[in-house]
Amino acid sequence: MTRPADQDPLQLSEVSRKVGVPASHSHAMTGSISVTSAKTEDIGAATRASIVELCIAAHQEQDFQHLFLYIPSGGRHFLAYREEVLVSHAVVTTRWLQPQGQPILKTAYVDAVATLPAYQGRGCGSAVMQHLARNIADYAIACLQTDRTGFYARLGWEVWRGALAGRGEQGIIPTPEQRGVMILRLPQTPTLNPDAELTIECQTGRIW
């Protein structure tokens, strides 16, 4: 999972490698961790392969090999490196939450949050999520679904306590068994009641 020295649009920051960085990428340094972000369309084949390998190693789930089939374009990826090694990743795609009594909100939906097992507990995932939160101000709200609510709560995320449902062509589809849906308030987030109903548009093969 070592980053190639060339043929890849994702480069380490000038601080760590003294190389040029495309203007569309953003970077931050947290200790010895370099955090970078890029659009799906700008990520080269080698880095895509490293992201897939990382997610499979972190989650022990082979379905991540299809990540770039699910997100062929339009994603915003956040990646953490230690030296040349990709150690943590998260991706944001655009979805559409609607809290009860509110308009539909442009939502930064976070998926594929993963850290290499050998680097877990070292702040890599936190660095990625903090960088992510600072770079999604063009959205009205952020959302994710997780079994690790405590980790995200420490970073400012809130569990949605109210009823959850999908919005489909046939109307509202309740998801009463769904757990671990969390939101992050952003500068554009309206006043919210986390005990109210929250709906999201249905996607092929998934709601949350």
Foldseek 3Di string as FASTA:
>chain_A
DFADPDPWQDDFDCVQPVDDHPPQKDWDDDPQKIKIKDWLVRTDPVVLVLLLVQLCQFPVDNVSVCVCVVDVGQKMKMWIDRRRHTFWIKIWHWWWKDFPPGDIWTEGEIDSTGGRPVCPPVCRSVVRVVVVQVPVLVTQKYKYADPCLVVVVVVAKAWQQAWEWEQEPVGTGTDRVGGRMIMHGHPNHDDHDSHTYMYIYDDVPDGD
